[in-house]
Amino acid sequence: MATDYDAPRKTDEGSEDSLEELKSRRNDKNSGKVDEDEVEAAETFELPGADLSHEELTVRVLPRQADEFTCASCFLVKHRSQIAKTVGGQSYCVDCAG
């Protein structure tokens, strides 16, 4: 079935809202937002250079495995299948060599 996009749109009789109704709807949408306490939000942020000596590592760190390498560009440890090229004994991953 073909649609004539140039034809004027049909409007429902009840769809026309007054300016006051539209303003009240806009205010209602904003009323559902939660006010956030700035001080409370700032307490969760850590500044660079903060003293983290009291923090404990919660992730188990493993040494590089035999089937892994360290990319000479991004210094990430990746699986050997990700080696794109080796230049002068330095291996580069697919992402950095791409």
C-alpha atoms as a PDB file:
ATOM      1  CA  MET A   1       0.000   0.000   0.000  1.00  0.00           C
ATOM      2  CA  ALA A   2       1.444   3.359  -1.023  1.00  0.00           C
ATOM      3  CA  THR A   3       1.648   6.216   1.470  1.00  0.00           C
ATOM      4  CA  ASP A   4       1.328   9.825   0.424  1.00  0.00           C
ATOM      5  CA  TYR A   5       3.856  11.639   2.608  1.00  0.00           C
ATOM      6  CA  ASP A   6       2.848  15.029   1.177  1.00  0.00           C
ATOM      7  CA  ALA A   7      -0.746  14.759   2.374  1.00  0.00           C
ATOM      8  CA  PRO A   8      -1.614  16.767   5.491  1.00  0.00           C
ATOM      9  CA  ARG A   9      -1.581  14.793   8.711  1.00  0.00           C
ATOM     10  CA  LYS A  10      -4.778  13.915  10.451  1.00  0.00           C
ATOM     11  CA  THR A  11      -5.037  15.264  13.957  1.00  0.00           C
ATOM     12  CA  ASP A  12      -7.172  13.864  16.714  1.00  0.00           C
ATOM     13  CA  GLU A  13      -9.600  16.279  18.270  1.00  0.00           C
ATOM     14  CA  GLY A  14      -8.424  15.528  21.801  1.00  0.00           C
ATOM     15  CA  SER A  15      -4.704  15.692  21.093  1.00  0.00           C
ATOM     16  CA  GLU A  16      -4.441  19.478  21.213  1.00  0.00           C
ATOM     17  CA  ASP A  17      -3.177  20.501  24.636  1.00  0.00           C
ATOM     18  CA  SER A  18      -3.193  23.930  26.125  1.00  0.00           C
ATOM     19  CA  LEU A  19       0.040  25.711  26.940  1.00  0.00           C
ATOM     20  CA  GLU A  20      -0.649  25.368  30.664  1.00  0.00           C
ATOM     21  CA  GLU A  21      -1.062  21.571  30.363  1.00  0.00           C
ATOM     22  CA  LEU A  22       2.205  21.248  28.472  1.00  0.00           C
ATOM     23  CA  LYS A  23       4.052  23.328  31.073  1.00  0.00           C
ATOM     24  CA  SER A  24       2.677  21.221  33.910  1.00  0.00           C
ATOM     25  CA  ARG A  25       3.779  18.019  32.153  1.00  0.00           C
ATOM     26  CA  ARG A  26       7.286  19.402  31.740  1.00  0.00           C
ATOM     27  CA  ASN A  27       7.438  20.214  35.456  1.00  0.00           C
ATOM     28  CA  ASP A  28       6.143  16.746  36.336  1.00  0.00           C
ATOM     29  CA  LYS A  29       8.940  15.088  34.378  1.00  0.00           C
ATOM     30  CA  ASN A  30      11.570  17.056  36.290  1.00  0.00           C
ATOM     31  CA  SER A  31       9.961  16.360  39.646  1.00  0.00           C
ATOM     32  CA  GLY A  32      10.948  12.677  39.453  1.00  0.00           C
ATOM     33  CA  LYS A  33      14.657  13.483  39.468  1.00  0.00           C
ATOM     34  CA  VAL A  34      16.559  12.800  42.666  1.00  0.00           C
ATOM     35  CA  ASP A  35      18.561  15.611  44.207  1.00  0.00           C
ATOM     36  CA  GLU A  36      22.087  14.421  44.900  1.00  0.00           C
ATOM     37  CA  ASP A  37      24.058  15.750  47.794  1.00  0.00           C
ATOM     38  CA  GLU A  38      27.276  17.193  46.364  1.00  0.00           C
ATOM     39  CA  VAL A  39      29.296  16.509  49.497  1.00  0.00           C
ATOM     40  CA  GLU A  40      28.233  12.889  49.557  1.00  0.00           C
ATOM     41  CA  ALA A  41      29.047  12.473  45.868  1.00  0.00           C
ATOM     42  CA  ALA A  42      32.479  14.089  46.310  1.00  0.00           C
ATOM     43  CA  GLU A  43      33.429  11.623  49.035  1.00  0.00           C
ATOM     44  CA  THR A  44      33.417   8.751  46.531  1.00  0.00           C
ATOM     45  CA  PHE A  45      35.936  10.419  44.208  1.00  0.00           C
ATOM     46  CA  GLU A  46      39.645   9.832  44.684  1.00  0.00           C
ATOM     47  CA  LEU A  47      42.062  12.491  43.584  1.00  0.00           C
ATOM     48  CA  PRO A  48      45.230  11.637  41.661  1.00  0.00           C
ATOM     49  CA  GLY A  49      48.183  11.256  43.973  1.00  0.00           C
ATOM     50  CA  ALA A  50      46.015  10.276  46.929  1.00  0.00           C
ATOM     51  CA  ASP A  51      47.623   8.081  49.590  1.00  0.00           C
ATOM     52  CA  LEU A  52      46.436   4.543  48.842  1.00  0.00           C
ATOM     53  CA  SER A  53      48.938   2.758  51.093  1.00  0.00           C
ATOM     54  CA  HIS A  54      46.149   1.486  53.335  1.00  0.00           C
ATOM     55  CA  GLU A  55      44.320  -0.145  50.390  1.00  0.00           C
ATOM     56  CA  GLU A  56      44.636  -3.871  49.762  1.00  0.00           C
ATOM     57  CA  LEU A  57      44.776  -5.533  46.371  1.00  0.00           C
ATOM     58  CA  THR A  58      41.637  -7.577  45.861  1.00  0.00           C
ATOM     59  CA  VAL A  59      42.641  -9.168  42.548  1.00  0.00           C
ATOM     60  CA  ARG A  60      44.931 -12.162  42.217  1.00  0.00           C
ATOM     61  CA  VAL A  61      47.835 -11.158  39.966  1.00  0.00           C
ATOM     62  CA  LEU A  62      49.522 -13.884  37.950  1.00  0.00           C
ATOM     63  CA  PRO A  63      52.961 -13.603  36.333  1.00  0.00           C
ATOM     64  CA  ARG A  64      53.167 -13.657  32.544  1.00  0.00           C
ATOM     65  CA  GLN A  65      52.526 -17.185  31.287  1.00  0.00           C
ATOM     66  CA  ALA A  66      54.601 -19.088  28.720  1.00  0.00           C
ATOM     67  CA  ASP A  67      51.991 -18.496  25.991  1.00  0.00           C
ATOM     68  CA  GLU A  68      51.833 -14.727  26.581  1.00  0.00           C
ATOM     69  CA  PHE A  69      53.952 -11.727  25.599  1.00  0.00           C
ATOM     70  CA  THR A  70      54.187  -8.059  26.548  1.00  0.00           C
ATOM     71  CA  CYS A  71      53.543  -5.626  23.700  1.00  0.00           C
ATOM     72  CA  ALA A  72      56.445  -3.203  23.231  1.00  0.00           C
ATOM     73  CA  SER A  73      54.047  -0.354  22.408  1.00  0.00           C
ATOM     74  CA  CYS A  74      51.080  -0.570  24.802  1.00  0.00           C
ATOM     75  CA  PHE A  75      52.826  -2.758  27.443  1.00  0.00           C
ATOM     76  CA  LEU A  76      49.783  -5.000  27.820  1.00  0.00           C
ATOM     77  CA  VAL A  77      50.237  -8.728  28.377  1.00  0.00           C
ATOM     78  CA  LYS A  78      48.495 -10.591  25.551  1.00  0.00           C
ATOM     79  CA  HIS A  79      48.271 -14.117  24.192  1.00  0.00           C
ATOM     80  CA  ARG A  80      50.866 -15.135  21.597  1.00  0.00           C
ATOM     81  CA  SER A  81      48.119 -15.365  18.972  1.00  0.00           C
ATOM     82  CA  GLN A  82      47.908 -11.542  19.163  1.00  0.00           C
ATOM     83  CA  ILE A  83      51.497 -10.982  17.920  1.00  0.00           C
ATOM     84  CA  ALA A  84      51.406  -8.939  14.710  1.00  0.00           C
ATOM     85  CA  LYS A  85      55.134  -8.377  14.205  1.00  0.00           C
ATOM     86  CA  THR A  86      58.459  -8.716  15.960  1.00  0.00           C
ATOM     87  CA  VAL A  87      61.163  -6.127  15.360  1.00  0.00           C
ATOM     88  CA  GLY A  88      64.565  -6.438  17.031  1.00  0.00           C
ATOM     89  CA  GLY A  89      63.290  -8.858  19.648  1.00  0.00           C
ATOM     90  CA  GLN A  90      60.355  -6.564  20.495  1.00  0.00           C
ATOM     91  CA  SER A  91      56.875  -7.991  19.857  1.00  0.00           C
ATOM     92  CA  TYR A  92      53.915  -5.795  18.928  1.00  0.00           C
ATOM     93  CA  CYS A  93      50.241  -6.742  19.286  1.00  0.00           C
ATOM     94  CA  VAL A  94      47.651  -6.641  16.513  1.00  0.00           C
ATOM     95  CA  ASP A  95      46.063  -3.478  17.945  1.00  0.00           C
ATOM     96  CA  CYS A  96      49.312  -1.471  17.985  1.00  0.00           C
ATOM     97  CA  ALA A  97      50.680  -2.715  14.664  1.00  0.00           C
ATOM     98  CA  GLY A  98      47.324  -2.227  12.891  1.00  0.00           C
END
